[in-house]
Protein backbone atom coordinates (compact mmCIF):
# COMPACT_ATOMS: atom_id res chain seq x y z
CA UNK A 1 -0.29 -0.20 0.13
CA UNK A 2 1.27 3.33 -0.96
CA UNK A 3 1.46 6.21 1.93
CA UNK A 4 -1.18 8.80 1.13
CA UNK A 5 1.59 11.60 0.63
CA UNK A 6 3.41 9.66 -2.09
CA UNK A 7 0.12 8.65 -3.85
CA UNK A 8 -0.19 12.63 -4.06
CA UNK A 9 3.36 12.95 -5.59
CA UNK A 10 3.48 10.24 -7.55
CA UNK A 11 3.32 12.35 -11.04
CA UNK A 12 5.39 15.09 -9.41
CA UNK A 13 7.65 16.15 -12.26
CA UNK A 14 6.12 13.27 -14.33
CA UNK A 15 3.52 14.03 -17.18
CA UNK A 16 0.03 11.76 -15.73
CA UNK A 17 -1.08 9.27 -18.32
CA UNK A 18 -3.92 10.59 -21.04
CA UNK A 19 -7.09 10.08 -20.34
CA UNK A 20 -9.41 7.64 -22.50
CA UNK A 21 -10.97 10.09 -25.55
CA UNK A 22 -14.43 10.67 -24.52
CA UNK A 23 -17.07 8.40 -26.37
CA UNK A 24 -19.36 9.82 -28.91
CA UNK A 25 -22.92 11.01 -27.21
CA UNK A 26 -25.93 11.21 -29.18
CA UNK A 27 -27.13 14.07 -30.28
CA UNK A 28 -30.01 15.35 -28.09
CA UNK A 29 -32.67 15.08 -31.43
CA UNK A 30 -31.70 11.76 -31.43
CA UNK A 31 -32.70 11.08 -27.82
CA UNK A 32 -36.41 12.80 -28.33
CA UNK A 33 -36.78 10.79 -31.56
CA UNK A 34 -36.41 7.43 -29.32
CA UNK A 35 -38.31 8.92 -26.27
CA UNK A 36 -41.46 9.86 -28.27
CA UNK A 37 -41.29 6.72 -30.13
CA UNK A 38 -41.48 4.63 -26.95
CA UNK A 39 -44.00 6.58 -25.68
CA UNK A 40 -46.04 6.30 -28.90
CA UNK A 41 -45.47 2.46 -28.69
CA UNK A 42 -46.51 2.42 -24.79
CA UNK A 43 -49.45 4.48 -25.58
CA UNK A 44 -50.82 2.52 -28.15
CA UNK A 45 -50.34 -0.75 -26.44
CA UNK A 46 -52.40 1.00 -23.40
CA UNK A 47 -55.44 1.60 -25.68
CA UNK A 48 -55.50 -2.01 -27.10
CA UNK A 49 -55.33 -3.24 -23.85
CA UNK A 50 -57.82 -1.26 -22.57
CA UNK A 51 -60.39 -2.39 -25.65
CA UNK A 52 -59.73 -5.59 -24.94
CA UNK A 53 -60.57 -5.36 -21.14
CA UNK A 54 -63.61 -3.25 -21.86
CA UNK A 55 -65.27 -5.67 -24.14
CA UNK A 56 -64.37 -8.55 -21.31
CA UNK A 57 -65.60 -6.30 -18.71
CA UNK A 58 -69.05 -5.44 -20.41
CA UNK A 59 -69.47 -9.04 -21.52
CA UNK A 60 -68.95 -9.92 -17.97
CA UNK A 61 -71.27 -7.54 -16.57
CA UNK A 62 -74.16 -8.33 -19.23
CA UNK A 63 -73.91 -12.12 -18.03
CA UNK A 64 -71.86 -13.01 -15.14
CA UNK A 65 -69.96 -16.17 -15.27
CA UNK A 66 -68.18 -18.19 -12.64
CA UNK A 67 -65.02 -15.75 -13.69
CA UNK A 68 -66.56 -13.14 -11.91
CA UNK A 69 -69.29 -14.14 -9.60
CA UNK A 70 -68.77 -17.21 -7.80
CA UNK A 71 -72.00 -18.30 -7.10
CA UNK A 72 -72.58 -19.15 -10.61
CA UNK A 73 -69.58 -22.10 -10.34
CA UNK A 74 -70.63 -25.51 -10.26
CA UNK A 75 -68.69 -26.50 -7.27
CA UNK A 76 -65.59 -25.48 -5.60
CA UNK A 77 -63.40 -27.12 -8.16
CA UNK A 78 -64.84 -25.31 -10.96
CA UNK A 79 -64.57 -22.09 -8.71
CA UNK A 80 -60.63 -23.06 -8.16
CA UNK A 81 -60.09 -23.51 -11.95
CA UNK A 82 -62.19 -20.30 -13.07
CA UNK A 83 -62.83 -17.56 -10.29
CA UNK A 84 -60.56 -15.02 -10.55
CA UNK A 85 -60.47 -14.02 -6.77
CA UNK A 86 -59.35 -17.39 -6.29
CA UNK A 87 -55.51 -16.36 -6.16
CA UNK A 88 -56.97 -13.12 -3.72
CA UNK A 89 -57.98 -16.06 -1.13
CA UNK A 90 -54.68 -18.43 -1.24
CA UNK A 91 -52.58 -15.26 -0.92
CA UNK A 92 -54.90 -14.09 1.86
CA UNK A 93 -54.04 -17.68 3.36
CA UNK A 94 -50.78 -17.61 3.10
CA UNK A 95 -50.40 -14.24 4.49
CA UNK A 96 -52.61 -15.49 7.94
CA UNK A 97 -50.17 -18.80 7.96
CA UNK A 98 -47.17 -16.91 7.82
CA UNK A 99 -48.44 -14.63 10.75
CA UNK A 100 -49.07 -17.78 12.84
CA UNK A 101 -45.78 -19.30 12.55
CA UNK A 102 -44.05 -19.65 16.02
CA UNK A 103 -40.05 -19.38 14.99
CA UNK A 104 -38.82 -18.00 11.68
CA UNK A 105 -40.32 -17.73 8.31
CA UNK A 106 -41.81 -20.99 6.77
CA UNK A 107 -40.60 -21.88 3.33
CA UNK A 108 -43.25 -22.43 0.53
CA UNK A 109 -43.05 -24.97 -2.03
CA UNK A 110 -43.57 -22.84 -4.62
CA UNK A 111 -45.27 -19.21 -5.77
CA UNK A 112 -48.50 -21.56 -6.58
CA UNK A 113 -49.78 -22.26 -3.13
CA UNK A 114 -52.87 -23.54 -2.03
CA UNK A 115 -53.24 -25.70 -4.79
CA UNK A 116 -55.56 -28.50 -3.29
CA UNK A 117 -58.70 -27.90 -1.94
CA UNK A 118 -61.88 -30.18 -0.33
CA UNK A 119 -64.46 -30.14 -3.37
CA UNK A 120 -67.94 -29.59 -2.78
CA UNK A 121 -71.00 -27.51 -3.55
CA UNK A 122 -70.94 -23.55 -3.42
CA UNK A 123 -71.37 -22.35 -0.09
CA UNK A 124 -69.46 -19.12 0.19
CA UNK A 125 -66.74 -20.43 2.10
CA UNK A 126 -64.05 -23.12 0.70
CA UNK A 127 -60.98 -24.99 2.36
CA UNK A 128 -57.77 -24.34 0.44
CA UNK A 129 -54.89 -26.90 1.40
CA UNK A 130 -51.13 -26.66 0.99
CA UNK A 131 -49.23 -29.66 2.00
CA UNK A 132 -45.90 -28.97 1.05
CA UNK A 133 -44.66 -26.11 3.65
CA UNK A 134 -42.05 -26.37 6.16
CA UNK A 135 -42.58 -24.55 9.25
CA UNK A 136 -39.59 -24.04 12.01
CA UNK A 137 -39.98 -26.09 15.19
CA UNK A 138 -38.82 -25.07 18.60
CA UNK A 139 -35.21 -27.07 18.22
CA UNK A 140 -34.71 -24.96 14.80
CA UNK A 141 -35.26 -27.62 12.59
CA UNK A 142 -37.38 -27.16 9.38
CA UNK A 143 -40.64 -29.80 9.84
CA UNK A 144 -42.86 -30.64 6.81
CA UNK A 145 -46.04 -29.06 7.73
CA UNK A 146 -49.79 -28.87 6.06
CA UNK A 147 -51.77 -25.89 6.00
CA UNK A 148 -55.79 -25.65 6.23
CA UNK A 149 -57.50 -22.24 5.18
CA UNK A 150 -60.98 -21.85 5.65
CA UNK A 151 -61.68 -18.48 3.28
CA UNK A 152 -65.24 -16.63 3.17
CA UNK A 153 -65.40 -15.72 -0.59
CA UNK A 154 -68.42 -13.41 0.68
CA UNK A 155 -66.57 -11.06 3.49
CA UNK A 156 -63.18 -11.95 1.75
CA UNK A 157 -61.17 -12.96 4.66
CA UNK A 158 -59.81 -15.97 6.56
CA UNK A 159 -61.96 -17.69 8.44
CA UNK A 160 -59.42 -19.95 10.05
CA UNK A 161 -55.96 -21.69 9.94
CA UNK A 162 -54.61 -24.47 11.12
CA UNK A 163 -50.87 -25.97 10.75
CA UNK A 164 -49.92 -29.62 11.31
CA UNK A 165 -46.83 -30.66 11.36
CA UNK A 166 -46.79 -34.40 9.58
C-alpha cells in the first residue's frame, strides 16, 4: 500500500497518463425521437389493452359467469379453476399462515400455494390446502407441515388457519 503523501506526489515532475478519448454521445435530437417512439408505442399498447379489457368487462357484466361471480360456479373445483378471486384467497391464506408461524419464516414449496382444496357444493366458503410447507419448530429444524385455510368469499377474509406437522 502506498502512503497517502506518496500517492499525491507520484506524478510530480512527470506527465500523468493521458485520459481515454470521450465516447461519442448521442445528439439531443436523437434522444427526443427515441423517447417519442417509446412513448407512442406504450400509448398504443395501453389503448389496445383497454379495448380488450372493456369488451371483456362488458360481456361479463351483462351475463356473469364463474370467472367473476363464484355463485355461478358448479362446485369448488370449478371455482378453483375459473374464479378470478381464488388467487386472492390463496394469498390471504398464505399471509395468515406466515403470521401464525411461531419460529422463523415458513418455506413454501412454490409461488403457487394452496393448490389443493376440499371439493363440494358452493356455500360461500372453501377450505384451501397446502401440504408441502416447512415451518420451523422449537428446535430450529424445518418440519414438513400441512396448512388448512378456511376462507369466506362473501366477506373476503380468512376464517381459520390450522397448521399441522406431518
